[in-house]
Amino acid sequence: MAISTLTDAMDLNSTIPTTSAPDTYFTFPLFSGFIIAHIILMTAAWVFVLPISVMLSIGRARLASTAQLTFISINAVGLLFGTIYNNKTPEFYENNVHNKLGWLATWIVSMQAILGLMRKYGRAENAPKPSYEITMAQYRNVQDLRSVQHYRYSRDSGQGTEPSTPRNSSPSSPQAFDEDREDAPILNRDNDFEDAVGEKHNMLTRNIARRIFSKKFLATTQHQVVTYTCVLHDIADRLILFLGFAAILSGLVTYGGIFKADGIFSGLAHFIKGGIFFWYGLLTLGRVMGSFADIGWSWNIRPPTSVVGARKAAAPTAEFMESFLIFLYGATNVWLEHLGEKGKGWSAGDLEHVSISIMFFGGGLVSISTPVLSHKPQQLTITQCGMLIESRAIRDLLNSTLTSPSSTTSSPTQWQPPRTYGFSTNPIPAIIILLLGMLMSGHHQSLMVSTKLHSMWGNLFFAAALARGATYMLMYLSPPSSVLPSRPPSEIVVAFCLISGGILFMSSNTDVVDVLAARDLNAMFVFTVAMGLTALLMAWEVVVLAVKAWAVAREARGVARGWWLV
């Protein structure tokens, strides 16, 4: 990187030609080395190091602190380059949110690391010592006592001259050891001073974090602060990646100089909606890899309460979360579709978007439920409270049209709930996404590039809905019978289509389309880049989840073998 050569141009700001003055950081020709270094370091920190750090922290791995320190170091160097670049360049994007959001994210990650240390050392201090540690302490005390006796016998020049001590007795004999045990504290004062100095040195060289958080801070704040620290740390672990995602997008917006004036409405709409599909695609891939199996989200039977606890056993199904997101989107977005055209008349495009929002509102409402799995001997039943399709009340009401089993002579096993009752196969969310894909595939835009982009991500969502339908067919024909993840292959297709479709969705906003048209770039260029980026992100997510699984297994082996406590 030719940063040293670029520093020679520090005084050239006034020599920029006025005939072709740049209006964005992307087109500014000077000091590009600093911004390139900033982009590379921030990408390495937020895309590669931070996910590893978060997964290790969620897995309560001891390597989490090392990963967090690595992230903070790389992020600090990246901030340095960014600050230097800002000081040397004109202000092309006034009041941009990237600077504020970047510093906010940095402080939150730093607090996350501090909370992690407080949680780690707070629990370690309050944890009871295991039996092997007590045994080792007793063994060290015996060894210290023996070394003291050996030191006395080797320095006592009058040994064997006392009347009470036989001249021929051995210093190492049991009789001599017992007789001199009461005299053990009477040592040379020089040795007492050396022992005191050595003990003081050991105390001063203890771990700094353990001294601060365990002995001083937690000793005065007791159990409540530890509990609140754990809660805040868990929240930070699960939100910091989304904040980093927002910081990266705001950096792209600031660097490209887009989303100014009224363009902010179109940009935010596409970034938020596309970002939801993008992250849900990552979530779907995580479910395929076995994440959330403890709450039954990996196409598996939910483990019993005795295994996962009451809180996880009462968690809603993944279909409920999908339905709730669809319902929430429709309920909120129906009032925002005309926000960018406030004060103007309603166009056909505005009415199309409002109709889509109403479809989301109704589709999410018709499929919302809150299922709770319960385990009984020889069967698996599902208890649901909610409404409409998955409502247990409606299902039992419809089943009541059959004759009661007490009035028939049929076998009681014929009246047991079907196996399909133990797994939700609600197709409404998939149908909503399928319809959205069909609508966007034919959604007309003013520019051909925009029309093509909308058609591409619409087709991808259509394919994702078809793949989800294939998953439901597999699950209906052969319901899950194990608590282990079933990993249907069709869900990998769903994840790929949602991630890539979300990227294209975010790229189809008005400002980005105008930039593509101005630089003579077609929609296939964006499509190709999105496909490659999707494949890399999916591969990296699998690696990150594998690292978390390895760390959790390593911690379990360490505790089982007595390597560490927590």
Protein backbone atom coordinates (compact mmCIF):
# COMPACT_ATOMS: atom_id res chain seq x y z
CA MET A 1 0.00 0.00 0.00
CA ALA A 2 1.47 3.24 -1.15
CA ILE A 3 0.47 5.35 1.84
CA SER A 4 3.91 6.92 2.09
CA THR A 5 3.70 8.20 -1.45
CA LEU A 6 0.26 9.61 -0.86
CA THR A 7 1.36 11.63 2.13
CA ASP A 8 3.42 13.79 -0.21
CA ALA A 9 0.15 15.12 -1.59
CA MET A 10 -1.08 16.50 1.72
CA ASP A 11 -0.91 20.08 0.50
CA LEU A 12 -2.63 19.42 -2.81
CA ASN A 13 -6.21 19.98 -1.69
CA SER A 14 -6.21 23.42 -3.25
CA THR A 15 -4.92 22.11 -6.58
CA ILE A 16 -7.96 19.94 -7.41
CA PRO A 17 -9.29 21.02 -10.81
CA THR A 18 -12.50 22.97 -10.41
CA THR A 19 -13.83 21.74 -13.76
CA SER A 20 -14.17 18.14 -12.51
CA ALA A 21 -14.38 18.55 -8.76
CA PRO A 22 -15.46 15.29 -7.09
CA ASP A 23 -18.62 15.23 -5.02
CA THR A 24 -18.16 11.87 -3.25
CA TYR A 25 -15.42 10.10 -1.37
CA PHE A 26 -15.46 7.41 -4.05
CA THR A 27 -14.45 9.88 -6.77
CA PHE A 28 -11.97 11.82 -4.63
CA PRO A 29 -8.51 10.99 -6.04
CA LEU A 30 -6.23 11.85 -3.08
CA PHE A 31 -5.32 9.89 0.03
CA SER A 32 -7.10 6.78 -1.23
CA GLY A 33 -4.56 4.58 0.58
CA PHE A 34 -5.99 5.56 3.94
CA ILE A 35 -9.58 4.75 3.03
CA ILE A 36 -8.56 1.47 1.38
CA ALA A 37 -6.71 0.46 4.54
CA HIS A 38 -9.74 1.49 6.59
CA ILE A 39 -12.09 -0.64 4.45
CA ILE A 40 -9.82 -3.71 4.52
CA LEU A 41 -9.25 -3.58 8.28
CA MET A 42 -12.90 -2.95 9.10
CA THR A 43 -14.00 -5.79 6.83
CA ALA A 44 -11.52 -8.13 8.49
CA ALA A 45 -12.65 -7.05 11.96
CA TRP A 46 -16.43 -6.94 11.53
CA VAL A 47 -16.96 -9.74 8.98
CA PHE A 48 -14.32 -12.29 10.00
CA VAL A 49 -13.10 -11.69 13.57
CA LEU A 50 -16.28 -10.42 15.25
CA PRO A 51 -18.52 -13.41 14.31
CA ILE A 52 -15.90 -15.77 15.75
CA SER A 53 -15.72 -13.65 18.89
CA VAL A 54 -19.51 -13.61 19.29
CA MET A 55 -19.85 -17.37 18.80
CA LEU A 56 -17.09 -18.05 21.31
CA SER A 57 -18.74 -15.69 23.76
CA ILE A 58 -22.15 -17.33 23.34
CA GLY A 59 -20.49 -20.71 23.83
CA ARG A 60 -18.82 -19.41 27.04
CA ALA A 61 -15.42 -20.39 25.67
CA ARG A 62 -12.24 -19.21 27.36
CA LEU A 63 -10.86 -18.15 23.99
CA ALA A 64 -13.60 -15.49 23.70
CA SER A 65 -11.47 -12.88 25.50
CA THR A 66 -8.59 -13.45 23.08
CA ALA A 67 -10.89 -13.10 20.08
CA GLN A 68 -12.43 -9.92 21.48
CA LEU A 69 -8.99 -8.42 22.11
CA THR A 70 -8.00 -9.28 18.53
CA PHE A 71 -11.11 -7.58 17.19
CA ILE A 72 -10.61 -4.45 19.30
CA SER A 73 -6.99 -4.18 18.12
CA ILE A 74 -7.83 -4.49 14.41
CA ASN A 75 -10.80 -2.17 14.79
CA ALA A 76 -8.64 0.43 16.54
CA VAL A 77 -6.12 0.47 13.69
CA GLY A 78 -8.96 0.76 11.19
CA LEU A 79 -10.40 3.68 13.13
CA LEU A 80 -7.01 5.36 13.05
CA PHE A 81 -6.81 5.18 9.27
CA GLY A 82 -10.41 6.40 8.97
CA THR A 83 -9.78 9.34 11.26
CA ILE A 84 -6.66 10.35 9.32
CA TYR A 85 -8.60 10.15 6.05
CA ASN A 86 -11.42 12.31 7.42
CA ASN A 87 -8.97 14.97 8.59
CA LYS A 88 -7.24 15.14 5.22
CA THR A 89 -10.30 15.21 2.94
CA PRO A 90 -13.16 17.66 2.45
CA GLU A 91 -16.58 16.94 3.93
CA PHE A 92 -18.49 15.31 1.06
CA TYR A 93 -21.32 13.90 3.18
CA GLU A 94 -22.36 16.27 5.95
CA ASN A 95 -24.03 14.84 9.03
CA ASN A 96 -23.54 11.29 7.83
CA VAL A 97 -24.58 8.58 10.26
CA HIS A 98 -21.59 6.34 9.60
CA ASN A 99 -19.21 8.20 11.89
CA LYS A 100 -21.68 8.23 14.78
CA LEU A 101 -22.75 4.63 14.24
CA GLY A 102 -19.18 3.43 13.91
CA TRP A 103 -18.12 4.97 17.20
CA LEU A 104 -21.27 3.69 18.90
CA ALA A 105 -20.57 0.16 17.68
CA THR A 106 -16.97 0.40 18.85
CA TRP A 107 -17.97 1.45 22.35
CA ILE A 108 -20.60 -1.29 22.56
CA VAL A 109 -18.08 -3.94 21.54
CA SER A 110 -15.64 -2.62 24.12
CA MET A 111 -18.33 -2.78 26.79
CA GLN A 112 -19.17 -6.30 25.62
CA ALA A 113 -15.57 -7.34 26.26
CA ILE A 114 -15.62 -5.74 29.73
CA LEU A 115 -18.93 -7.41 30.56
CA GLY A 116 -17.48 -10.71 29.42
CA LEU A 117 -14.56 -10.35 31.82
CA MET A 118 -16.88 -9.36 34.65
CA ARG A 119 -19.10 -12.34 33.95
CA LYS A 120 -16.20 -14.75 33.67
CA TYR A 121 -14.33 -13.75 36.81
CA GLY A 122 -17.46 -13.02 38.79
CA ARG A 123 -18.74 -16.56 38.33
CA ALA A 124 -15.29 -18.04 38.86
CA GLU A 125 -14.98 -16.24 42.19
CA ASN A 126 -18.38 -17.40 43.42
CA ALA A 127 -18.01 -20.98 42.19
CA PRO A 128 -17.28 -23.61 44.87
CA LYS A 129 -13.93 -25.30 44.76
CA PRO A 130 -14.06 -28.91 43.56
CA SER A 131 -12.74 -31.78 45.64
CA TYR A 132 -9.62 -32.23 43.55
CA GLU A 133 -8.58 -28.61 44.20
CA ILE A 134 -9.04 -29.05 47.96
CA THR A 135 -6.99 -32.24 47.82
CA MET A 136 -4.19 -30.48 45.96
CA ALA A 137 -4.17 -27.67 48.53
CA GLN A 138 -3.83 -30.18 51.36
CA TYR A 139 -1.03 -31.93 49.51
CA ARG A 140 0.85 -28.64 49.05
CA ASN A 141 0.50 -27.89 52.78
CA VAL A 142 2.04 -31.26 53.67
CA GLN A 143 4.89 -30.72 51.23
CA ASP A 144 5.57 -27.25 52.66
CA LEU A 145 5.66 -28.67 56.19
CA ARG A 146 8.12 -31.35 55.19
CA SER A 147 10.38 -28.85 53.47
CA VAL A 148 10.36 -26.70 56.61
CA GLN A 149 11.41 -29.66 58.78
CA HIS A 150 14.13 -30.63 56.34
CA TYR A 151 15.45 -27.06 56.38
CA ARG A 152 15.61 -27.04 60.21
CA TYR A 153 17.55 -30.29 60.49
CA SER A 154 20.08 -29.23 57.90
CA ARG A 155 20.82 -25.91 59.71
CA ASP A 156 20.72 -27.08 63.36
CA SER A 157 24.39 -27.42 64.36
CA GLY A 158 23.45 -28.62 67.82
CA GLN A 159 21.47 -31.56 66.59
CA GLY A 160 21.91 -34.59 68.81
CA THR A 161 23.40 -32.65 71.77
CA GLU A 162 20.08 -32.07 73.56
CA PRO A 163 19.29 -34.58 76.28
CA SER A 164 15.86 -35.23 74.88
CA THR A 165 17.18 -36.07 71.42
CA PRO A 166 19.23 -39.19 70.83
CA ARG A 167 22.54 -38.56 69.13
CA ASN A 168 22.02 -41.43 66.70
CA SER A 169 18.48 -40.50 65.59
CA SER A 170 18.05 -39.70 61.91
CA PRO A 171 16.66 -36.31 60.86
CA SER A 172 14.25 -38.00 58.52
CA SER A 173 13.01 -40.54 61.02
CA PRO A 174 9.38 -40.32 62.14
CA GLN A 175 10.44 -39.87 65.77
CA ALA A 176 12.56 -36.83 64.96
CA PHE A 177 9.83 -35.40 62.73
CA ASP A 178 7.24 -35.66 65.48
CA GLU A 179 9.51 -34.30 68.21
CA ASP A 180 10.50 -31.22 66.24
CA ARG A 181 7.04 -30.46 64.85
CA GLU A 182 6.31 -27.98 67.65
CA ASP A 183 9.64 -26.28 66.97
CA ALA A 184 8.85 -25.76 63.23
CA PRO A 185 7.79 -22.08 63.56
CA ILE A 186 11.11 -21.24 65.24
CA LEU A 187 13.05 -20.50 62.07
CA ASN A 188 15.79 -18.15 61.16
CA ARG A 189 14.46 -14.57 60.90
CA ASP A 190 16.18 -14.09 57.56
CA ASN A 191 14.17 -16.98 56.16
CA ASP A 192 10.96 -15.51 57.56
CA PHE A 193 11.71 -12.25 55.78
CA GLU A 194 12.43 -14.06 52.50
CA ASP A 195 9.17 -16.00 52.76
CA ALA A 196 7.21 -12.81 53.41
CA VAL A 197 8.79 -11.08 50.42
CA GLY A 198 8.07 -14.06 48.19
CA GLU A 199 4.43 -14.19 49.29
CA LYS A 200 4.01 -10.46 48.66
CA HIS A 201 5.54 -10.85 45.21
CA ASN A 202 3.09 -13.62 44.34
CA MET A 203 0.16 -11.51 45.45
CA LEU A 204 1.26 -8.54 43.34
CA THR A 205 1.70 -10.66 40.23
CA ARG A 206 -1.81 -12.14 40.22
CA ASN A 207 -4.13 -11.62 37.30
CA ILE A 208 -5.20 -7.94 37.11
CA ALA A 209 -8.69 -8.65 35.83
CA ARG A 210 -9.35 -11.17 38.63
CA ARG A 211 -8.17 -8.71 41.29
CA ILE A 212 -10.30 -5.84 39.96
CA PHE A 213 -13.51 -7.63 39.07
CA SER A 214 -13.55 -10.52 41.51
CA LYS A 215 -12.10 -9.18 44.72
CA LYS A 216 -12.96 -5.49 44.69
CA PHE A 217 -15.91 -4.87 42.41
CA LEU A 218 -17.97 -8.02 42.81
CA ALA A 219 -17.25 -8.23 46.52
CA THR A 220 -19.26 -5.04 47.06
CA THR A 221 -22.04 -5.55 44.49
CA GLN A 222 -22.88 -9.21 45.21
CA HIS A 223 -25.22 -11.41 43.22
CA GLN A 224 -27.53 -8.81 41.63
CA VAL A 225 -24.80 -7.09 39.65
CA VAL A 226 -23.53 -10.43 38.38
CA THR A 227 -27.03 -11.30 37.19
CA TYR A 228 -27.51 -7.96 35.44
CA THR A 229 -24.07 -8.29 33.88
CA CYS A 230 -24.97 -11.67 32.42
CA VAL A 231 -28.21 -10.30 30.97
CA LEU A 232 -26.50 -7.28 29.38
CA HIS A 233 -23.71 -9.47 28.05
CA ASP A 234 -26.21 -11.86 26.44
CA ILE A 235 -28.05 -8.95 24.82
CA ALA A 236 -24.80 -7.47 23.49
CA ASP A 237 -23.72 -10.83 22.08
CA ARG A 238 -26.90 -11.14 20.04
CA LEU A 239 -27.23 -7.55 18.83
CA ILE A 240 -23.67 -6.54 18.02
CA LEU A 241 -23.64 -8.34 14.65
CA PHE A 242 -26.74 -6.45 13.51
CA LEU A 243 -25.15 -3.19 14.61
CA GLY A 244 -22.01 -4.07 12.67
CA PHE A 245 -24.12 -4.85 9.61
CA ALA A 246 -25.75 -1.42 9.87
CA ALA A 247 -22.33 0.23 10.27
CA ILE A 248 -21.01 -1.48 7.12
CA LEU A 249 -24.04 -0.42 5.08
CA SER A 250 -23.81 3.16 6.34
CA GLY A 251 -20.14 3.16 5.35
CA LEU A 252 -21.04 2.11 1.81
CA VAL A 253 -23.68 4.84 1.66
CA THR A 254 -21.27 7.51 2.89
CA TYR A 255 -18.45 6.39 0.59
CA GLY A 256 -20.74 6.36 -2.44
CA GLY A 257 -22.56 9.59 -1.57
CA ILE A 258 -26.06 8.13 -2.01
CA PHE A 259 -29.35 8.43 -0.10
CA LYS A 260 -29.32 12.22 0.10
CA ALA A 261 -32.44 14.40 0.38
CA ASP A 262 -35.58 12.42 -0.57
CA GLY A 263 -33.48 9.46 -1.69
CA ILE A 264 -33.17 8.44 1.96
CA PHE A 265 -36.71 7.00 1.95
CA SER A 266 -36.16 4.65 -0.97
CA GLY A 267 -32.74 3.68 0.35
CA LEU A 268 -33.94 2.89 3.86
CA ALA A 269 -36.95 0.96 2.57
CA HIS A 270 -34.83 -1.30 0.37
CA PHE A 271 -32.03 -1.71 2.92
CA ILE A 272 -34.37 -2.59 5.79
CA LYS A 273 -36.58 -4.98 3.81
CA GLY A 274 -33.70 -6.57 1.93
CA GLY A 275 -31.70 -6.80 5.15
CA ILE A 276 -34.52 -8.75 6.81
CA PHE A 277 -34.47 -11.35 4.03
CA PHE A 278 -30.67 -11.42 4.10
CA TRP A 279 -30.50 -12.12 7.83
CA TYR A 280 -33.33 -14.62 7.73
CA GLY A 281 -31.41 -16.50 5.06
CA LEU A 282 -28.42 -16.65 7.40
CA LEU A 283 -30.74 -17.79 10.19
CA THR A 284 -32.16 -20.52 7.95
CA LEU A 285 -28.67 -21.81 7.17
CA GLY A 286 -27.93 -21.83 10.88
CA ARG A 287 -31.05 -23.92 11.48
CA VAL A 288 -29.88 -26.38 8.84
CA MET A 289 -26.51 -26.65 10.59
CA GLY A 290 -28.22 -27.45 13.92
CA SER A 291 -28.57 -24.06 15.59
CA PHE A 292 -31.70 -23.62 17.72
CA ALA A 293 -32.22 -27.39 17.93
CA ASP A 294 -32.83 -26.93 21.67
CA ILE A 295 -36.06 -25.05 20.88
CA GLY A 296 -37.11 -27.29 17.99
CA TRP A 297 -36.18 -24.95 15.14
CA SER A 298 -33.91 -27.40 13.31
CA TRP A 299 -36.73 -29.56 11.97
CA ASN A 300 -36.45 -31.81 14.97
CA ILE A 301 -38.47 -32.82 18.01
CA ARG A 302 -38.09 -30.26 20.76
CA PRO A 303 -36.14 -31.76 23.68
CA PRO A 304 -38.14 -32.24 26.91
CA THR A 305 -38.32 -29.60 29.61
CA SER A 306 -36.04 -31.61 31.87
CA VAL A 307 -33.28 -31.24 29.30
CA VAL A 308 -33.62 -27.67 27.99
CA GLY A 309 -35.52 -25.97 30.80
CA ALA A 310 -38.95 -24.37 31.00
CA ARG A 311 -38.03 -21.18 29.13
CA LYS A 312 -36.79 -22.94 25.99
CA ALA A 313 -39.55 -25.53 26.18
CA ALA A 314 -42.12 -22.70 25.99
CA ALA A 315 -40.47 -20.98 22.99
CA PRO A 316 -42.68 -20.47 19.91
CA THR A 317 -42.09 -22.38 16.71
CA ALA A 318 -40.09 -20.99 13.81
CA GLU A 319 -43.31 -20.80 11.78
CA PHE A 320 -44.77 -18.51 14.41
CA MET A 321 -41.76 -16.20 14.17
CA GLU A 322 -42.04 -16.14 10.38
CA SER A 323 -45.74 -15.35 10.61
CA PHE A 324 -45.13 -12.64 13.19
CA LEU A 325 -42.47 -10.97 11.04
CA ILE A 326 -44.79 -11.03 8.03
CA PHE A 327 -47.66 -9.62 10.12
CA LEU A 328 -45.44 -6.91 11.63
CA TYR A 329 -44.15 -5.91 8.21
CA GLY A 330 -47.66 -5.53 6.85
CA ALA A 331 -48.96 -3.70 9.92
CA THR A 332 -46.20 -1.08 9.85
CA ASN A 333 -45.33 -0.74 6.18
CA VAL A 334 -48.89 -0.06 5.02
CA TRP A 335 -48.56 3.42 6.50
CA LEU A 336 -45.08 4.10 5.09
CA GLU A 337 -45.44 3.35 1.39
CA HIS A 338 -46.33 6.93 0.47
CA LEU A 339 -43.81 8.53 2.83
CA GLY A 340 -41.33 9.31 0.06
CA GLU A 341 -44.02 10.99 -2.01
CA LYS A 342 -45.57 12.99 0.79
CA GLY A 343 -47.68 15.85 -0.56
CA LYS A 344 -48.01 14.26 -3.99
CA GLY A 345 -50.74 12.17 -5.53
CA TRP A 346 -50.92 8.40 -5.22
CA SER A 347 -49.48 6.55 -8.17
CA ALA A 348 -50.19 3.03 -9.37
CA GLY A 349 -46.87 1.93 -7.90
CA ASP A 350 -47.85 3.27 -4.48
CA LEU A 351 -51.11 1.34 -4.58
CA GLU A 352 -49.22 -1.82 -5.58
CA HIS A 353 -46.93 -1.49 -2.58
CA VAL A 354 -49.83 -0.85 -0.21
CA SER A 355 -51.62 -3.92 -1.57
CA ILE A 356 -48.52 -6.01 -0.88
CA SER A 357 -48.43 -4.66 2.68
CA ILE A 358 -52.08 -5.60 3.20
CA MET A 359 -51.32 -9.08 1.88
CA PHE A 360 -48.52 -9.41 4.41
CA PHE A 361 -50.77 -8.15 7.20
CA GLY A 362 -53.56 -10.61 6.44
CA GLY A 363 -51.26 -13.54 5.69
CA GLY A 364 -49.31 -13.10 8.88
CA LEU A 365 -52.48 -12.69 10.91
CA VAL A 366 -54.10 -15.84 9.57
CA SER A 367 -51.09 -18.00 10.43
CA ILE A 368 -49.98 -16.55 13.79
CA SER A 369 -49.90 -19.06 16.63
CA THR A 370 -47.91 -19.71 19.77
CA PRO A 371 -47.24 -23.46 19.91
CA VAL A 372 -45.76 -25.17 22.94
CA LEU A 373 -44.53 -28.73 22.62
CA SER A 374 -45.19 -31.15 25.45
CA HIS A 375 -43.92 -34.69 25.87
CA LYS A 376 -46.01 -37.55 27.16
CA PRO A 377 -45.30 -41.28 27.37
CA GLN A 378 -45.60 -43.05 24.04
CA GLN A 379 -46.74 -39.95 22.19
CA LEU A 380 -45.90 -36.35 21.32
CA THR A 381 -48.69 -33.82 21.44
CA ILE A 382 -48.69 -30.12 20.61
CA THR A 383 -50.48 -27.56 22.72
CA GLN A 384 -51.19 -24.35 20.88
CA CYS A 385 -52.90 -21.14 21.76
CA GLY A 386 -53.42 -18.63 19.04
CA MET A 387 -55.85 -18.24 16.20
CA LEU A 388 -57.07 -19.67 12.95
CA ILE A 389 -54.92 -22.24 11.15
CA GLU A 390 -52.77 -23.47 14.04
CA SER A 391 -55.25 -22.78 16.84
CA ARG A 392 -55.83 -25.81 19.04
CA ALA A 393 -59.33 -24.58 19.88
CA ILE A 394 -60.34 -24.50 16.23
CA ARG A 395 -58.68 -27.85 15.59
CA ASP A 396 -60.47 -29.53 18.50
CA LEU A 397 -63.75 -27.95 17.43
CA LEU A 398 -63.40 -29.41 13.96
CA ASN A 399 -62.41 -32.79 15.38
CA SER A 400 -65.52 -32.82 17.58
CA THR A 401 -67.64 -33.53 14.52
CA LEU A 402 -66.39 -37.10 14.74
CA THR A 403 -68.00 -39.64 17.03
CA SER A 404 -66.57 -39.73 20.54
CA PRO A 405 -64.25 -42.71 21.08
CA SER A 406 -66.20 -43.75 24.19
CA SER A 407 -69.24 -44.52 22.10
CA THR A 408 -67.45 -46.75 19.63
CA THR A 409 -65.84 -50.12 19.75
CA SER A 410 -62.76 -49.09 17.83
CA SER A 411 -59.26 -49.43 19.24
CA PRO A 412 -58.11 -46.54 21.50
CA THR A 413 -54.91 -46.22 19.47
CA GLN A 414 -56.99 -45.03 16.53
CA TRP A 415 -57.88 -41.90 18.50
CA GLN A 416 -54.32 -40.90 19.26
CA PRO A 417 -53.16 -37.60 17.68
CA PRO A 418 -51.33 -38.11 14.37
CA ARG A 419 -47.58 -37.71 14.30
CA THR A 420 -47.99 -34.61 12.15
CA TYR A 421 -49.52 -32.82 15.17
CA GLY A 422 -46.05 -32.75 16.70
CA PHE A 423 -44.55 -30.57 13.97
CA SER A 424 -45.83 -27.32 12.46
CA THR A 425 -46.17 -27.33 8.68
CA ASN A 426 -47.91 -23.99 8.24
CA PRO A 427 -47.56 -23.10 4.52
CA ILE A 428 -48.92 -19.55 4.73
CA PRO A 429 -45.51 -17.80 5.20
CA ALA A 430 -44.13 -19.65 2.18
CA ILE A 431 -47.19 -18.72 0.12
CA ILE A 432 -46.79 -15.03 1.04
CA ILE A 433 -43.13 -15.05 -0.07
CA LEU A 434 -44.07 -16.93 -3.24
CA LEU A 435 -46.67 -14.29 -4.13
CA LEU A 436 -44.20 -11.53 -3.35
CA GLY A 437 -41.72 -13.10 -5.74
CA MET A 438 -44.33 -13.34 -8.48
CA LEU A 439 -45.35 -9.71 -8.01
CA MET A 440 -41.81 -8.38 -8.03
CA SER A 441 -40.89 -10.45 -11.08
CA GLY A 442 -43.38 -8.42 -13.09
CA HIS A 443 -43.00 -5.12 -11.23
CA HIS A 444 -42.42 -2.42 -13.85
CA GLN A 445 -39.76 0.23 -13.22
CA SER A 446 -38.74 3.36 -15.09
CA LEU A 447 -35.29 1.98 -15.94
CA MET A 448 -34.56 -1.41 -17.46
CA VAL A 449 -31.77 -2.02 -14.93
CA SER A 450 -34.21 -1.56 -12.07
CA THR A 451 -36.83 -3.78 -13.70
CA LYS A 452 -34.27 -6.55 -14.18
CA LEU A 453 -33.03 -6.32 -10.62
CA HIS A 454 -36.56 -6.54 -9.22
CA SER A 455 -37.25 -9.51 -11.47
CA MET A 456 -34.10 -11.28 -10.30
CA TRP A 457 -34.73 -11.05 -6.57
CA GLY A 458 -38.41 -11.77 -7.14
CA ASN A 459 -37.51 -15.03 -8.89
CA LEU A 460 -35.13 -15.93 -6.07
CA PHE A 461 -37.86 -15.45 -3.47
CA PHE A 462 -40.20 -17.53 -5.63
CA ALA A 463 -37.60 -20.33 -5.67
CA ALA A 464 -37.13 -20.04 -1.89
CA ALA A 465 -40.87 -20.50 -1.34
CA LEU A 466 -40.94 -23.58 -3.59
CA ALA A 467 -37.99 -25.08 -1.69
CA ARG A 468 -39.76 -24.45 1.63
CA GLY A 469 -42.82 -26.21 0.21
CA ALA A 470 -40.61 -29.21 -0.59
CA THR A 471 -39.41 -29.18 3.02
CA TYR A 472 -42.97 -29.29 4.33
CA MET A 473 -43.79 -32.19 2.04
CA LEU A 474 -40.83 -34.14 3.39
CA MET A 475 -41.74 -33.33 6.98
CA TYR A 476 -45.41 -34.25 6.46
CA LEU A 477 -44.61 -37.60 4.86
CA SER A 478 -41.94 -38.41 7.44
CA PRO A 479 -42.28 -36.25 10.58
CA PRO A 480 -39.18 -35.79 12.75
CA SER A 481 -38.66 -38.56 15.28
CA SER A 482 -35.41 -37.39 16.92
CA VAL A 483 -34.21 -34.41 18.91
CA LEU A 484 -31.21 -34.21 16.57
CA PRO A 485 -31.45 -31.84 13.57
CA SER A 486 -32.86 -33.54 10.46
CA ARG A 487 -31.15 -31.06 8.07
CA PRO A 488 -33.47 -31.21 5.02
CA PRO A 489 -31.41 -30.41 1.90
CA SER A 490 -34.14 -28.21 0.47
CA GLU A 491 -33.53 -25.67 3.24
CA ILE A 492 -30.02 -25.02 1.94
CA VAL A 493 -31.71 -23.84 -1.27
CA VAL A 494 -34.02 -21.65 0.83
CA ALA A 495 -31.05 -20.08 2.62
CA PHE A 496 -29.15 -19.39 -0.60
CA CYS A 497 -32.16 -17.80 -2.32
CA LEU A 498 -33.03 -15.61 0.67
CA ILE A 499 -29.47 -14.36 1.19
CA SER A 500 -28.82 -13.59 -2.47
CA GLY A 501 -32.32 -12.20 -2.95
CA GLY A 502 -31.86 -9.92 0.04
CA ILE A 503 -28.61 -8.55 -1.40
CA LEU A 504 -30.28 -7.85 -4.75
CA PHE A 505 -33.26 -6.32 -2.94
CA MET A 506 -30.98 -3.86 -1.14
CA SER A 507 -29.21 -3.08 -4.43
CA SER A 508 -32.40 -2.24 -6.32
CA ASN A 509 -33.02 1.16 -4.69
CA THR A 510 -33.28 4.26 -6.82
CA ASP A 511 -29.87 5.78 -6.07
CA VAL A 512 -27.91 2.58 -6.69
CA VAL A 513 -29.82 2.00 -9.94
CA ASP A 514 -28.97 5.54 -11.08
CA VAL A 515 -25.27 4.91 -10.36
CA LEU A 516 -25.36 1.64 -12.33
CA ALA A 517 -27.02 3.34 -15.29
CA ALA A 518 -24.58 6.27 -15.19
CA ARG A 519 -21.59 3.90 -15.27
CA ASP A 520 -23.10 1.66 -17.95
CA LEU A 521 -23.38 -1.38 -15.67
CA ASN A 522 -26.19 -3.86 -16.21
CA ALA A 523 -28.21 -5.94 -13.76
CA MET A 524 -26.27 -9.12 -14.52
CA PHE A 525 -23.15 -7.53 -13.05
CA VAL A 526 -24.92 -7.04 -9.71
CA PHE A 527 -26.44 -10.53 -9.93
CA THR A 528 -23.05 -12.17 -10.44
CA VAL A 529 -21.44 -10.28 -7.59
CA ALA A 530 -24.37 -11.15 -5.31
CA MET A 531 -24.14 -14.87 -6.12
CA GLY A 532 -20.42 -15.00 -5.38
CA LEU A 533 -20.82 -13.02 -2.16
CA THR A 534 -23.66 -15.31 -1.05
CA ALA A 535 -21.58 -18.45 -1.56
CA LEU A 536 -18.68 -16.98 0.43
CA LEU A 537 -20.90 -15.84 3.27
CA MET A 538 -22.61 -19.24 3.54
CA ALA A 539 -19.25 -21.01 3.63
CA TRP A 540 -17.98 -18.61 6.29
CA GLU A 541 -21.11 -19.08 8.41
CA VAL A 542 -20.60 -22.84 8.41
CA VAL A 543 -16.99 -22.31 9.55
CA VAL A 544 -18.09 -19.94 12.33
CA LEU A 545 -20.71 -22.39 13.60
CA ALA A 546 -18.17 -25.20 13.49
CA VAL A 547 -15.75 -23.10 15.57
CA LYS A 548 -18.49 -22.50 18.14
CA ALA A 549 -19.28 -26.23 18.33
CA TRP A 550 -15.58 -27.02 18.75
CA ALA A 551 -15.22 -24.44 21.51
CA VAL A 552 -18.26 -25.75 23.40
CA ALA A 553 -16.94 -29.33 23.17
CA ARG A 554 -13.51 -28.16 24.32
CA GLU A 555 -15.01 -26.42 27.36
CA ALA A 556 -16.99 -29.53 28.25
CA ARG A 557 -13.87 -31.71 28.06
CA GLY A 558 -11.94 -29.22 30.18
CA VAL A 559 -14.53 -29.21 32.93
CA ALA A 560 -14.89 -33.01 32.84
CA ARG A 561 -11.12 -33.52 33.12
CA GLY A 562 -10.66 -30.87 35.79
CA TRP A 563 -8.70 -28.41 33.64
CA TRP A 564 -10.86 -25.46 34.71
CA LEU A 565 -14.00 -24.55 36.59
CA VAL A 566 -15.96 -22.33 34.21
